[in-house]
N, C-alpha and C. Protein backbone atom coordinates (compact mmCIF):
# COMPACT_ATOMS: atom_id res chain seq x y z
N UNK A 1 56.29 160.36 108.82
CA UNK A 1 55.81 161.44 109.66
C UNK A 1 54.28 161.48 109.66
N UNK A 2 53.71 162.01 110.73
CA UNK A 2 52.27 162.14 110.85
C UNK A 2 51.82 163.53 110.43
N UNK A 3 50.53 163.66 110.10
CA UNK A 3 49.98 164.98 109.82
C UNK A 3 50.00 165.81 111.09
N UNK A 4 50.44 167.04 110.99
CA UNK A 4 50.62 167.87 112.17
C UNK A 4 49.37 168.59 112.57
N UNK A 5 49.53 169.43 113.57
CA UNK A 5 48.40 170.13 114.16
C UNK A 5 48.04 171.40 113.41
N UNK A 6 48.85 171.79 112.46
CA UNK A 6 48.60 173.05 111.77
C UNK A 6 48.45 172.83 110.28
N UNK A 7 47.39 172.16 109.88
CA UNK A 7 47.09 171.98 108.47
C UNK A 7 48.04 171.00 107.82
N UNK A 8 48.84 171.53 106.85
CA UNK A 8 49.69 170.67 106.05
C UNK A 8 51.02 170.34 106.73
N UNK A 9 51.32 170.94 107.87
CA UNK A 9 52.57 170.65 108.54
C UNK A 9 52.58 169.22 109.06
N UNK A 10 53.74 168.60 109.01
CA UNK A 10 53.90 167.25 109.50
C UNK A 10 54.70 167.27 110.79
N UNK A 11 54.46 166.26 111.60
CA UNK A 11 55.16 166.14 112.88
C UNK A 11 56.29 165.14 112.73
N UNK A 12 57.47 165.54 113.14
CA UNK A 12 58.63 164.66 113.15
C UNK A 12 58.65 163.91 114.48
N UNK A 13 58.59 162.59 114.41
CA UNK A 13 58.56 161.77 115.63
C UNK A 13 59.99 161.43 116.03
N UNK A 14 60.33 161.78 117.26
CA UNK A 14 61.71 161.64 117.75
C UNK A 14 61.76 160.59 118.85
N UNK A 15 62.80 159.78 118.83
CA UNK A 15 63.10 158.88 119.92
C UNK A 15 64.27 159.42 120.73
N UNK A 16 64.18 159.39 122.05
CA UNK A 16 65.24 159.90 122.93
C UNK A 16 65.73 158.75 123.79
N UNK A 17 67.01 158.46 123.70
CA UNK A 17 67.62 157.39 124.49
C UNK A 17 68.72 158.01 125.34
N UNK A 18 68.50 158.03 126.66
CA UNK A 18 69.47 158.61 127.59
C UNK A 18 69.22 158.01 128.96
N UNK A 19 70.28 157.69 129.68
CA UNK A 19 70.10 157.07 130.99
C UNK A 19 69.70 158.06 132.06
N UNK A 20 69.73 159.35 131.76
CA UNK A 20 69.34 160.36 132.74
C UNK A 20 67.92 160.85 132.45
N UNK A 21 67.02 160.59 133.40
CA UNK A 21 65.63 160.97 133.23
C UNK A 21 65.48 162.48 133.06
N UNK A 22 66.33 163.25 133.73
CA UNK A 22 66.26 164.70 133.63
C UNK A 22 66.58 165.17 132.21
N UNK A 23 67.53 164.53 131.58
CA UNK A 23 67.88 164.89 130.20
C UNK A 23 66.72 164.56 129.27
N UNK A 24 66.15 163.37 129.42
CA UNK A 24 65.02 163.00 128.57
C UNK A 24 63.86 163.97 128.74
N UNK A 25 63.58 164.32 129.99
CA UNK A 25 62.50 165.26 130.26
C UNK A 25 62.79 166.63 129.66
N UNK A 26 64.04 167.06 129.78
CA UNK A 26 64.41 168.37 129.24
C UNK A 26 64.31 168.43 127.74
N UNK A 27 64.79 167.38 127.06
CA UNK A 27 64.71 167.33 125.60
C UNK A 27 63.25 167.31 125.16
N UNK A 28 62.44 166.49 125.83
CA UNK A 28 61.02 166.42 125.48
C UNK A 28 60.35 167.78 125.66
N UNK A 29 60.64 168.44 126.79
CA UNK A 29 60.03 169.74 127.04
C UNK A 29 60.42 170.78 126.01
N UNK A 30 61.68 170.76 125.60
CA UNK A 30 62.13 171.71 124.57
C UNK A 30 61.44 171.45 123.24
N UNK A 31 61.45 170.20 122.81
CA UNK A 31 60.91 169.89 121.49
C UNK A 31 59.41 170.07 121.42
N UNK A 32 58.72 169.96 122.55
CA UNK A 32 57.27 170.20 122.56
C UNK A 32 56.93 171.65 122.24
N UNK A 33 57.91 172.53 122.38
CA UNK A 33 57.68 173.95 122.08
C UNK A 33 57.70 174.25 120.59
N UNK A 34 58.15 173.30 119.78
CA UNK A 34 58.33 173.58 118.35
C UNK A 34 57.05 173.53 117.55
N UNK A 35 56.12 172.64 117.93
CA UNK A 35 54.89 172.49 117.16
C UNK A 35 54.99 171.46 116.05
N UNK A 36 56.19 171.18 115.54
CA UNK A 36 56.32 170.21 114.45
C UNK A 36 57.23 169.04 114.83
N UNK A 37 57.67 168.97 116.09
CA UNK A 37 58.52 167.87 116.54
C UNK A 37 57.96 167.36 117.86
N UNK A 38 57.82 166.04 117.98
CA UNK A 38 57.34 165.47 119.24
C UNK A 38 58.17 164.25 119.61
N UNK A 39 58.36 164.04 120.91
CA UNK A 39 59.06 162.85 121.40
C UNK A 39 58.04 161.72 121.45
N UNK A 40 58.24 160.71 120.62
CA UNK A 40 57.29 159.60 120.51
C UNK A 40 57.83 158.32 121.12
N UNK A 41 59.08 158.31 121.53
CA UNK A 41 59.68 157.12 122.13
C UNK A 41 60.78 157.56 123.09
N UNK A 42 60.85 156.93 124.26
CA UNK A 42 61.92 157.18 125.22
C UNK A 42 62.46 155.84 125.71
N UNK A 43 63.75 155.81 126.01
CA UNK A 43 64.37 154.63 126.61
C UNK A 43 65.51 155.10 127.50
N UNK A 44 65.74 154.34 128.57
CA UNK A 44 66.74 154.72 129.57
C UNK A 44 68.08 154.03 129.37
N UNK A 45 68.14 153.05 128.47
CA UNK A 45 69.41 152.38 128.21
C UNK A 45 69.34 151.68 126.86
N UNK A 46 70.48 151.13 126.44
CA UNK A 46 70.56 150.52 125.12
C UNK A 46 69.66 149.32 124.96
N UNK A 47 69.58 148.47 125.99
CA UNK A 47 68.75 147.27 125.90
C UNK A 47 67.28 147.62 125.74
N UNK A 48 66.82 148.58 126.53
CA UNK A 48 65.43 149.01 126.43
C UNK A 48 65.16 149.62 125.06
N UNK A 49 66.13 150.40 124.56
CA UNK A 49 65.95 151.02 123.26
C UNK A 49 65.86 149.98 122.15
N UNK A 50 66.71 148.94 122.21
CA UNK A 50 66.65 147.88 121.20
C UNK A 50 65.27 147.23 121.17
N UNK A 51 64.73 146.98 122.35
CA UNK A 51 63.42 146.35 122.44
C UNK A 51 62.33 147.24 121.86
N UNK A 52 62.36 148.51 122.21
CA UNK A 52 61.30 149.42 121.75
C UNK A 52 61.45 149.74 120.27
N UNK A 53 62.69 149.85 119.80
CA UNK A 53 62.90 150.18 118.40
C UNK A 53 62.60 149.00 117.48
N UNK A 54 62.44 147.83 118.06
CA UNK A 54 62.06 146.67 117.26
C UNK A 54 60.61 146.77 116.79
N UNK A 55 59.80 147.54 117.51
CA UNK A 55 58.38 147.64 117.16
C UNK A 55 57.97 149.05 116.74
N UNK A 56 58.82 150.01 116.94
CA UNK A 56 58.49 151.39 116.55
C UNK A 56 59.75 152.10 116.08
N UNK A 57 59.69 152.69 114.89
CA UNK A 57 60.84 153.40 114.33
C UNK A 57 60.51 154.89 114.26
N UNK A 58 61.17 155.70 115.08
CA UNK A 58 60.95 157.14 115.00
C UNK A 58 61.58 157.71 113.73
N UNK A 59 61.21 158.93 113.40
CA UNK A 59 61.80 159.59 112.23
C UNK A 59 63.25 159.97 112.49
N UNK A 60 63.56 160.34 113.73
CA UNK A 60 64.91 160.73 114.13
C UNK A 60 65.18 160.18 115.52
N UNK A 61 66.40 159.73 115.74
CA UNK A 61 66.79 159.20 117.04
C UNK A 61 67.84 160.11 117.68
N UNK A 62 67.57 160.58 118.91
CA UNK A 62 68.54 161.33 119.70
C UNK A 62 69.14 160.36 120.71
N UNK A 63 70.44 160.15 120.63
CA UNK A 63 71.06 159.03 121.32
C UNK A 63 72.24 159.48 122.16
N UNK A 64 72.18 159.22 123.46
CA UNK A 64 73.29 159.54 124.36
C UNK A 64 74.50 158.68 123.99
N UNK A 65 75.67 159.29 123.94
CA UNK A 65 76.89 158.55 123.60
C UNK A 65 77.28 157.60 124.72
N UNK A 66 77.26 158.09 125.96
CA UNK A 66 77.78 157.32 127.09
C UNK A 66 76.64 156.89 128.00
N UNK A 67 76.38 155.57 128.01
CA UNK A 67 75.36 155.01 128.89
C UNK A 67 75.90 153.74 129.52
N UNK A 68 75.46 153.38 130.72
CA UNK A 68 75.89 152.12 131.33
C UNK A 68 75.46 150.93 130.48
N UNK A 69 76.28 149.91 130.46
CA UNK A 69 75.95 148.71 129.70
C UNK A 69 76.28 148.86 128.24
N UNK A 70 75.33 149.29 127.46
CA UNK A 70 75.52 149.47 126.02
C UNK A 70 75.60 150.96 125.71
N UNK A 71 76.71 151.40 125.15
CA UNK A 71 76.87 152.81 124.81
C UNK A 71 75.98 153.16 123.63
N UNK A 72 75.83 154.46 123.40
CA UNK A 72 75.03 154.90 122.27
C UNK A 72 75.59 154.42 120.94
N UNK A 73 76.91 154.44 120.81
CA UNK A 73 77.52 154.01 119.56
C UNK A 73 77.36 152.50 119.38
N UNK A 74 77.45 151.74 120.46
CA UNK A 74 77.21 150.29 120.38
C UNK A 74 75.76 150.01 119.99
N UNK A 75 74.84 150.79 120.53
CA UNK A 75 73.44 150.63 120.16
C UNK A 75 73.24 150.93 118.68
N UNK A 76 73.87 151.98 118.19
CA UNK A 76 73.74 152.35 116.79
C UNK A 76 74.27 151.23 115.90
N UNK A 77 75.40 150.65 116.28
CA UNK A 77 75.94 149.53 115.51
C UNK A 77 74.98 148.34 115.52
N UNK A 78 74.39 148.07 116.69
CA UNK A 78 73.45 146.94 116.80
C UNK A 78 72.23 147.18 115.92
N UNK A 79 71.74 148.40 115.88
CA UNK A 79 70.59 148.71 115.03
C UNK A 79 70.94 148.54 113.56
N UNK A 80 72.13 148.95 113.18
CA UNK A 80 72.55 148.78 111.79
C UNK A 80 72.69 147.31 111.43
N UNK A 81 73.21 146.52 112.36
CA UNK A 81 73.33 145.08 112.12
C UNK A 81 71.96 144.42 111.97
N UNK A 82 70.97 145.02 112.62
CA UNK A 82 69.62 144.46 112.61
C UNK A 82 68.79 144.95 111.43
N UNK A 83 69.36 145.77 110.60
CA UNK A 83 68.61 146.21 109.42
C UNK A 83 68.62 147.71 109.19
N UNK A 84 69.19 148.47 110.10
CA UNK A 84 69.31 149.90 109.88
C UNK A 84 68.69 150.74 110.97
N UNK A 85 69.39 151.79 111.34
CA UNK A 85 68.91 152.73 112.36
C UNK A 85 68.21 153.90 111.68
N UNK A 86 67.27 154.53 112.37
CA UNK A 86 66.72 155.78 111.83
C UNK A 86 67.80 156.85 111.84
N UNK A 87 67.62 157.95 111.13
CA UNK A 87 68.59 159.04 111.19
C UNK A 87 68.90 159.39 112.64
N UNK A 88 70.17 159.35 113.00
CA UNK A 88 70.55 159.42 114.41
C UNK A 88 71.48 160.59 114.68
N UNK A 89 71.16 161.32 115.75
CA UNK A 89 72.02 162.39 116.26
C UNK A 89 72.54 161.95 117.62
N UNK A 90 73.85 161.97 117.79
CA UNK A 90 74.45 161.60 119.06
C UNK A 90 74.53 162.81 119.97
N UNK A 91 74.18 162.61 121.24
CA UNK A 91 74.23 163.65 122.25
C UNK A 91 75.28 163.31 123.29
N UNK A 92 76.05 164.30 123.73
CA UNK A 92 77.08 164.06 124.73
C UNK A 92 77.33 165.32 125.54
N UNK A 93 77.90 165.14 126.73
CA UNK A 93 78.36 166.28 127.53
C UNK A 93 79.85 166.49 127.36
N UNK A 94 80.49 165.70 126.52
CA UNK A 94 81.94 165.76 126.36
C UNK A 94 82.32 166.21 124.96
N UNK A 95 83.43 166.95 124.86
CA UNK A 95 84.02 167.27 123.56
C UNK A 95 84.97 166.12 123.21
N UNK A 96 84.44 165.05 122.66
CA UNK A 96 85.16 163.80 122.51
C UNK A 96 85.42 163.51 121.05
N UNK A 97 86.68 163.77 120.59
CA UNK A 97 87.02 163.55 119.20
C UNK A 97 86.85 162.10 118.79
N UNK A 98 87.28 161.18 119.65
CA UNK A 98 87.18 159.77 119.32
C UNK A 98 85.73 159.34 119.17
N UNK A 99 84.86 159.84 120.03
CA UNK A 99 83.44 159.51 119.93
C UNK A 99 82.85 160.05 118.63
N UNK A 100 83.29 161.24 118.23
CA UNK A 100 82.82 161.82 116.98
C UNK A 100 83.15 160.90 115.82
N UNK A 101 84.39 160.44 115.74
CA UNK A 101 84.80 159.58 114.63
C UNK A 101 84.09 158.23 114.70
N UNK A 102 83.98 157.67 115.91
CA UNK A 102 83.28 156.39 116.05
C UNK A 102 81.82 156.54 115.62
N UNK A 103 81.20 157.66 115.97
CA UNK A 103 79.83 157.90 115.56
C UNK A 103 79.69 158.02 114.06
N UNK A 104 80.63 158.71 113.43
CA UNK A 104 80.63 158.82 111.97
C UNK A 104 80.70 157.44 111.33
N UNK A 105 81.61 156.62 111.85
CA UNK A 105 81.79 155.29 111.27
C UNK A 105 80.55 154.42 111.47
N UNK A 106 79.83 154.66 112.55
CA UNK A 106 78.62 153.88 112.83
C UNK A 106 77.41 154.40 112.07
N UNK A 107 77.55 155.52 111.39
CA UNK A 107 76.47 156.03 110.56
C UNK A 107 75.64 157.14 111.15
N UNK A 108 76.08 157.74 112.27
CA UNK A 108 75.32 158.85 112.85
C UNK A 108 75.29 160.04 111.90
N UNK A 109 74.18 160.79 111.93
CA UNK A 109 74.04 161.96 111.07
C UNK A 109 74.60 163.22 111.71
N UNK A 110 74.68 163.24 113.06
CA UNK A 110 75.12 164.45 113.73
C UNK A 110 75.64 164.14 115.11
N UNK A 111 76.28 165.14 115.71
CA UNK A 111 76.92 164.98 117.01
C UNK A 111 76.80 166.33 117.71
N UNK A 112 76.02 166.38 118.80
CA UNK A 112 75.73 167.64 119.47
C UNK A 112 76.01 167.53 120.97
N UNK A 113 76.42 168.64 121.56
CA UNK A 113 76.54 168.68 123.01
C UNK A 113 75.17 168.96 123.63
N UNK A 114 74.96 168.47 124.84
CA UNK A 114 73.65 168.55 125.47
C UNK A 114 73.25 169.96 125.90
N UNK A 115 74.19 170.90 125.88
CA UNK A 115 73.84 172.27 126.25
C UNK A 115 73.37 173.09 125.04
N UNK A 116 73.03 172.41 123.95
CA UNK A 116 72.60 173.10 122.73
C UNK A 116 71.28 173.83 122.96
N UNK A 117 71.07 174.90 122.22
CA UNK A 117 69.83 175.66 122.33
C UNK A 117 68.69 174.94 121.63
N UNK A 118 67.46 175.33 121.97
CA UNK A 118 66.28 174.77 121.32
C UNK A 118 66.35 174.98 119.82
N UNK A 119 66.73 176.17 119.39
CA UNK A 119 66.74 176.48 117.97
C UNK A 119 67.69 175.55 117.21
N UNK A 120 68.88 175.34 117.75
CA UNK A 120 69.84 174.49 117.06
C UNK A 120 69.45 173.02 117.13
N UNK A 121 68.89 172.60 118.25
CA UNK A 121 68.45 171.22 118.37
C UNK A 121 67.32 170.94 117.38
N UNK A 122 66.34 171.82 117.34
CA UNK A 122 65.21 171.63 116.43
C UNK A 122 65.68 171.64 114.98
N UNK A 123 66.60 172.55 114.66
CA UNK A 123 67.13 172.61 113.30
C UNK A 123 67.85 171.32 112.95
N UNK A 124 68.63 170.78 113.91
CA UNK A 124 69.35 169.53 113.66
C UNK A 124 68.39 168.38 113.43
N UNK A 125 67.32 168.31 114.21
CA UNK A 125 66.32 167.25 114.04
C UNK A 125 65.67 167.34 112.66
N UNK A 126 65.29 168.54 112.27
CA UNK A 126 64.65 168.71 110.97
C UNK A 126 65.59 168.34 109.83
N UNK A 127 66.83 168.72 109.94
CA UNK A 127 67.78 168.43 108.87
C UNK A 127 68.12 166.96 108.83
N UNK A 128 68.23 166.32 109.98
CA UNK A 128 68.49 164.87 109.99
C UNK A 128 67.33 164.12 109.36
N UNK A 129 66.10 164.53 109.69
CA UNK A 129 64.93 163.88 109.11
C UNK A 129 64.90 164.06 107.60
N UNK A 130 65.43 165.18 107.12
CA UNK A 130 65.46 165.45 105.69
C UNK A 130 66.62 164.74 104.98
N UNK A 131 67.45 164.03 105.74
CA UNK A 131 68.53 163.25 105.14
C UNK A 131 69.87 163.94 105.10
N UNK A 132 70.01 165.07 105.76
CA UNK A 132 71.28 165.79 105.74
C UNK A 132 72.23 165.24 106.81
N UNK A 133 73.54 165.39 106.53
CA UNK A 133 74.56 165.10 107.53
C UNK A 133 74.88 166.39 108.28
N UNK A 134 75.07 166.29 109.58
CA UNK A 134 75.11 167.49 110.42
C UNK A 134 76.42 167.69 111.16
N UNK A 135 77.47 166.96 110.82
CA UNK A 135 78.65 167.02 111.66
C UNK A 135 79.27 168.41 111.70
N UNK A 136 79.46 169.04 110.56
CA UNK A 136 80.07 170.36 110.61
C UNK A 136 79.15 171.41 111.22
N UNK A 137 77.92 171.60 110.70
CA UNK A 137 77.08 172.62 111.30
C UNK A 137 76.56 172.25 112.67
N UNK A 138 76.53 170.95 112.99
CA UNK A 138 75.96 170.53 114.25
C UNK A 138 76.90 170.64 115.43
N UNK A 139 78.20 170.77 115.19
CA UNK A 139 79.13 170.87 116.30
C UNK A 139 78.96 172.20 117.02
N UNK A 140 79.01 172.19 118.33
CA UNK A 140 78.87 173.43 119.06
C UNK A 140 80.13 174.27 118.92
N UNK A 141 80.02 175.53 119.30
CA UNK A 141 81.15 176.43 119.17
C UNK A 141 82.34 175.98 120.01
N UNK A 142 82.07 175.31 121.15
CA UNK A 142 83.18 174.83 121.97
C UNK A 142 84.01 173.81 121.22
N UNK A 143 83.33 172.90 120.50
CA UNK A 143 84.05 171.89 119.74
C UNK A 143 84.80 172.55 118.58
N UNK A 144 84.11 173.43 117.84
CA UNK A 144 84.74 174.07 116.69
C UNK A 144 85.93 174.93 117.10
N UNK A 145 85.89 175.51 118.28
CA UNK A 145 87.02 176.30 118.74
C UNK A 145 88.27 175.45 118.84
N UNK A 146 88.10 174.20 119.28
CA UNK A 146 89.24 173.31 119.37
C UNK A 146 89.74 172.91 118.00
N UNK A 147 88.82 172.77 117.05
CA UNK A 147 89.21 172.39 115.70
C UNK A 147 89.89 173.54 114.98
N UNK A 148 89.36 174.75 115.18
CA UNK A 148 89.87 175.90 114.43
C UNK A 148 91.21 176.42 114.93
N UNK A 149 91.32 176.59 116.25
CA UNK A 149 92.52 177.27 116.68
C UNK A 149 93.06 176.87 118.03
N UNK A 150 92.36 176.02 118.75
CA UNK A 150 92.79 175.70 120.10
C UNK A 150 93.81 174.60 120.13
N UNK A 151 94.87 174.80 120.86
CA UNK A 151 95.84 173.75 121.11
C UNK A 151 96.57 173.32 119.87
N UNK A 152 96.16 172.23 119.27
CA UNK A 152 96.92 171.61 118.20
C UNK A 152 96.60 172.17 116.82
N UNK A 153 95.63 173.06 116.69
CA UNK A 153 95.21 173.51 115.39
C UNK A 153 95.68 174.95 115.14
N UNK A 154 96.22 175.22 113.96
CA UNK A 154 96.68 176.58 113.66
C UNK A 154 95.51 177.52 113.46
N UNK A 155 95.71 178.79 113.77
CA UNK A 155 94.66 179.79 113.59
C UNK A 155 94.62 180.32 112.16
N UNK A 156 95.71 180.13 111.40
CA UNK A 156 95.76 180.61 110.04
C UNK A 156 94.91 179.74 109.13
N UNK A 157 94.44 180.34 108.03
CA UNK A 157 93.72 179.56 107.04
C UNK A 157 94.67 178.58 106.37
N UNK A 158 94.10 177.56 105.75
CA UNK A 158 94.89 176.57 105.04
C UNK A 158 95.63 177.24 103.89
N UNK A 159 96.96 177.07 103.86
CA UNK A 159 97.78 177.73 102.85
C UNK A 159 97.85 176.94 101.55
N UNK A 160 97.74 175.64 101.62
CA UNK A 160 97.84 174.80 100.44
C UNK A 160 96.71 173.78 100.47
N UNK A 161 95.93 173.75 99.40
CA UNK A 161 94.77 172.86 99.37
C UNK A 161 95.20 171.42 99.15
N UNK A 162 94.38 170.51 99.63
CA UNK A 162 94.62 169.10 99.40
C UNK A 162 94.37 168.76 97.93
N UNK A 163 95.15 167.83 97.41
CA UNK A 163 94.91 167.34 96.06
C UNK A 163 93.70 166.41 96.06
N UNK A 164 93.23 166.08 94.86
CA UNK A 164 92.12 165.16 94.76
C UNK A 164 92.42 163.81 95.39
N UNK A 165 93.62 163.30 95.17
CA UNK A 165 94.01 162.03 95.77
C UNK A 165 94.07 162.13 97.29
N UNK A 166 94.58 163.25 97.80
CA UNK A 166 94.64 163.43 99.25
C UNK A 166 93.25 163.49 99.86
N UNK A 167 92.30 164.07 99.16
CA UNK A 167 90.92 164.09 99.66
C UNK A 167 90.38 162.67 99.73
N UNK A 168 90.68 161.85 98.72
CA UNK A 168 90.25 160.45 98.75
C UNK A 168 90.86 159.71 99.93
N UNK A 169 92.14 159.94 100.17
CA UNK A 169 92.81 159.30 101.30
C UNK A 169 92.20 159.76 102.62
N UNK A 170 91.93 161.06 102.73
CA UNK A 170 91.35 161.61 103.96
C UNK A 170 89.98 161.00 104.22
N UNK A 171 89.19 160.82 103.18
CA UNK A 171 87.86 160.22 103.35
C UNK A 171 87.96 158.80 103.88
N UNK A 172 88.94 158.04 103.39
CA UNK A 172 89.13 156.69 103.88
C UNK A 172 89.70 156.68 105.30
N UNK A 173 90.53 157.67 105.62
CA UNK A 173 90.99 157.82 107.00
C UNK A 173 89.80 158.03 107.93
N UNK A 174 88.84 158.84 107.49
CA UNK A 174 87.64 159.08 108.31
C UNK A 174 86.85 157.80 108.52
N UNK A 175 86.96 156.87 107.59
CA UNK A 175 86.27 155.59 107.73
C UNK A 175 87.02 154.60 108.59
N UNK A 176 88.19 155.00 109.12
CA UNK A 176 88.93 154.14 110.02
C UNK A 176 89.90 153.19 109.34
N UNK A 177 90.13 153.38 108.05
CA UNK A 177 91.03 152.48 107.33
C UNK A 177 92.50 152.82 107.60
N UNK A 178 93.34 151.80 107.71
CA UNK A 178 94.77 152.03 107.89
C UNK A 178 95.44 152.20 106.52
N UNK A 179 96.75 152.48 106.51
CA UNK A 179 97.45 152.76 105.26
C UNK A 179 97.39 151.60 104.28
N UNK A 180 97.54 150.37 104.77
CA UNK A 180 97.50 149.21 103.87
C UNK A 180 96.11 149.07 103.25
N UNK A 181 95.07 149.26 104.05
CA UNK A 181 93.71 149.14 103.55
C UNK A 181 93.40 150.24 102.54
N UNK A 182 93.92 151.44 102.80
CA UNK A 182 93.72 152.54 101.84
C UNK A 182 94.44 152.24 100.54
N UNK A 183 95.65 151.68 100.64
CA UNK A 183 96.41 151.31 99.44
C UNK A 183 95.66 150.25 98.64
N UNK A 184 95.09 149.27 99.31
CA UNK A 184 94.33 148.24 98.62
C UNK A 184 93.12 148.82 97.91
N UNK A 185 92.51 149.83 98.54
CA UNK A 185 91.30 150.43 97.96
C UNK A 185 91.61 151.33 96.77
N UNK A 186 92.73 152.06 96.86
CA UNK A 186 93.01 153.08 95.85
C UNK A 186 94.04 152.64 94.80
N UNK A 187 94.85 151.62 95.11
CA UNK A 187 95.76 151.12 94.10
C UNK A 187 97.24 151.35 94.32
N UNK A 188 97.67 152.54 94.80
CA UNK A 188 99.10 152.77 94.96
C UNK A 188 99.69 151.95 96.10
N UNK A 189 101.02 152.02 96.23
CA UNK A 189 101.68 151.26 97.28
C UNK A 189 101.38 151.84 98.65
N UNK A 190 101.62 151.03 99.68
CA UNK A 190 101.42 151.49 101.05
C UNK A 190 102.35 152.66 101.36
N UNK A 191 103.57 152.63 100.81
CA UNK A 191 104.50 153.73 101.02
C UNK A 191 103.98 155.04 100.43
N UNK A 192 103.35 154.94 99.27
CA UNK A 192 102.77 156.15 98.65
C UNK A 192 101.65 156.70 99.51
N UNK A 193 100.82 155.83 100.04
CA UNK A 193 99.74 156.27 100.92
C UNK A 193 100.31 156.93 102.16
N UNK A 194 101.37 156.36 102.72
CA UNK A 194 102.01 156.95 103.89
C UNK A 194 102.48 158.37 103.59
N UNK A 195 103.02 158.57 102.38
CA UNK A 195 103.44 159.91 101.98
C UNK A 195 102.25 160.85 101.86
N UNK A 196 101.15 160.35 101.30
CA UNK A 196 99.94 161.17 101.20
C UNK A 196 99.45 161.58 102.60
N UNK A 197 99.47 160.64 103.53
CA UNK A 197 99.01 160.94 104.89
C UNK A 197 99.90 162.00 105.51
N UNK A 198 101.19 161.88 105.34
CA UNK A 198 102.12 162.88 105.89
C UNK A 198 101.86 164.25 105.29
N UNK A 199 101.59 164.28 103.99
CA UNK A 199 101.28 165.54 103.32
C UNK A 199 99.98 166.14 103.85
N UNK A 200 98.98 165.29 104.07
CA UNK A 200 97.69 165.75 104.60
C UNK A 200 97.87 166.37 105.97
N UNK A 201 98.60 165.69 106.85
CA UNK A 201 98.83 166.21 108.20
C UNK A 201 99.55 167.55 108.13
N UNK A 202 100.54 167.66 107.25
CA UNK A 202 101.30 168.90 107.13
C UNK A 202 100.44 170.04 106.62
N UNK A 203 99.65 169.77 105.58
CA UNK A 203 98.82 170.83 105.00
C UNK A 203 97.72 171.28 105.97
N UNK A 204 97.18 170.34 106.72
CA UNK A 204 96.10 170.68 107.65
C UNK A 204 96.63 171.22 108.97
N UNK A 205 97.94 171.11 109.20
CA UNK A 205 98.53 171.65 110.41
C UNK A 205 98.18 170.88 111.66
N UNK A 206 98.07 169.54 111.54
CA UNK A 206 97.70 168.71 112.67
C UNK A 206 98.74 167.62 112.85
N UNK A 207 98.65 166.93 114.00
CA UNK A 207 99.70 165.97 114.32
C UNK A 207 99.28 164.51 114.21
N UNK A 208 97.97 164.25 114.07
CA UNK A 208 97.53 162.85 113.99
C UNK A 208 96.30 162.73 113.11
N UNK A 209 95.90 161.48 112.86
CA UNK A 209 94.84 161.19 111.91
C UNK A 209 93.48 161.67 112.41
N UNK A 210 93.22 161.54 113.71
CA UNK A 210 91.94 161.98 114.26
C UNK A 210 91.75 163.47 114.01
N UNK A 211 92.76 164.26 114.33
CA UNK A 211 92.65 165.70 114.15
C UNK A 211 92.61 166.08 112.67
N UNK A 212 93.25 165.28 111.83
CA UNK A 212 93.18 165.54 110.39
C UNK A 212 91.75 165.38 109.89
N UNK A 213 91.06 164.35 110.35
CA UNK A 213 89.68 164.14 109.92
C UNK A 213 88.79 165.27 110.42
N UNK A 214 88.96 165.68 111.67
CA UNK A 214 88.16 166.78 112.20
C UNK A 214 88.43 168.08 111.45
N UNK A 215 89.69 168.33 111.15
CA UNK A 215 90.05 169.53 110.39
C UNK A 215 89.46 169.45 108.98
N UNK A 216 89.50 168.26 108.39
CA UNK A 216 88.92 168.08 107.08
C UNK A 216 87.43 168.30 107.05
N UNK A 217 86.75 167.87 108.13
CA UNK A 217 85.32 168.14 108.26
C UNK A 217 85.04 169.62 108.31
N UNK A 218 85.81 170.33 109.12
CA UNK A 218 85.57 171.76 109.29
C UNK A 218 85.81 172.52 107.99
N UNK A 219 86.80 172.08 107.20
CA UNK A 219 87.14 172.77 105.96
C UNK A 219 86.27 172.33 104.80
N UNK A 220 85.45 171.30 104.99
CA UNK A 220 84.55 170.88 103.94
C UNK A 220 85.10 169.85 102.98
N UNK A 221 86.24 169.24 103.31
CA UNK A 221 86.78 168.20 102.46
C UNK A 221 86.01 166.90 102.57
N UNK A 222 85.37 166.66 103.70
CA UNK A 222 84.64 165.41 103.93
C UNK A 222 83.15 165.72 104.03
């Protein structure tokens, strides 16, 4: 970070990658109001971002999930393959569970909808720069509503807590591992892992692994 305009305050340099010029302009305009965050890099697609990030590394990267050619998640993976991405927050206009999990697996620090307020965006940037993970606090209320009580999720609190082993299994589920891979990592048989997964789904009140991971995030297990 650079020395800021107000004495000892430092400026967080942000990179914005989005194929929509209006979005980039809007994010830049919002962050310029903070005094301690500035947009120091912009790119309109994944290829341009790869080129610019090869010579300049911002403190935090704001990255559109869906772009023509190379998606934001593909760009994040490419940066990691090349030696590591800066702390990255994914931006999207969609409440996309699959994108959330793919972003987690690719190493993103947060996942926010583009209609977020200045206060929450600035807070997310500051926390990402400080090394925090932002998935639970960074999700907008629309996303959390789906996790807490909408559709497939029960409105009641969790009645039975996950065991320590089930938390380990859930963490590996979040990493995209299948039952055999989880069994290889933890030691028990694949059948035992299958039973653990069934128990996790039942306790969390969800019907599939994606929703189990999201529910686990919201409850603080992951």
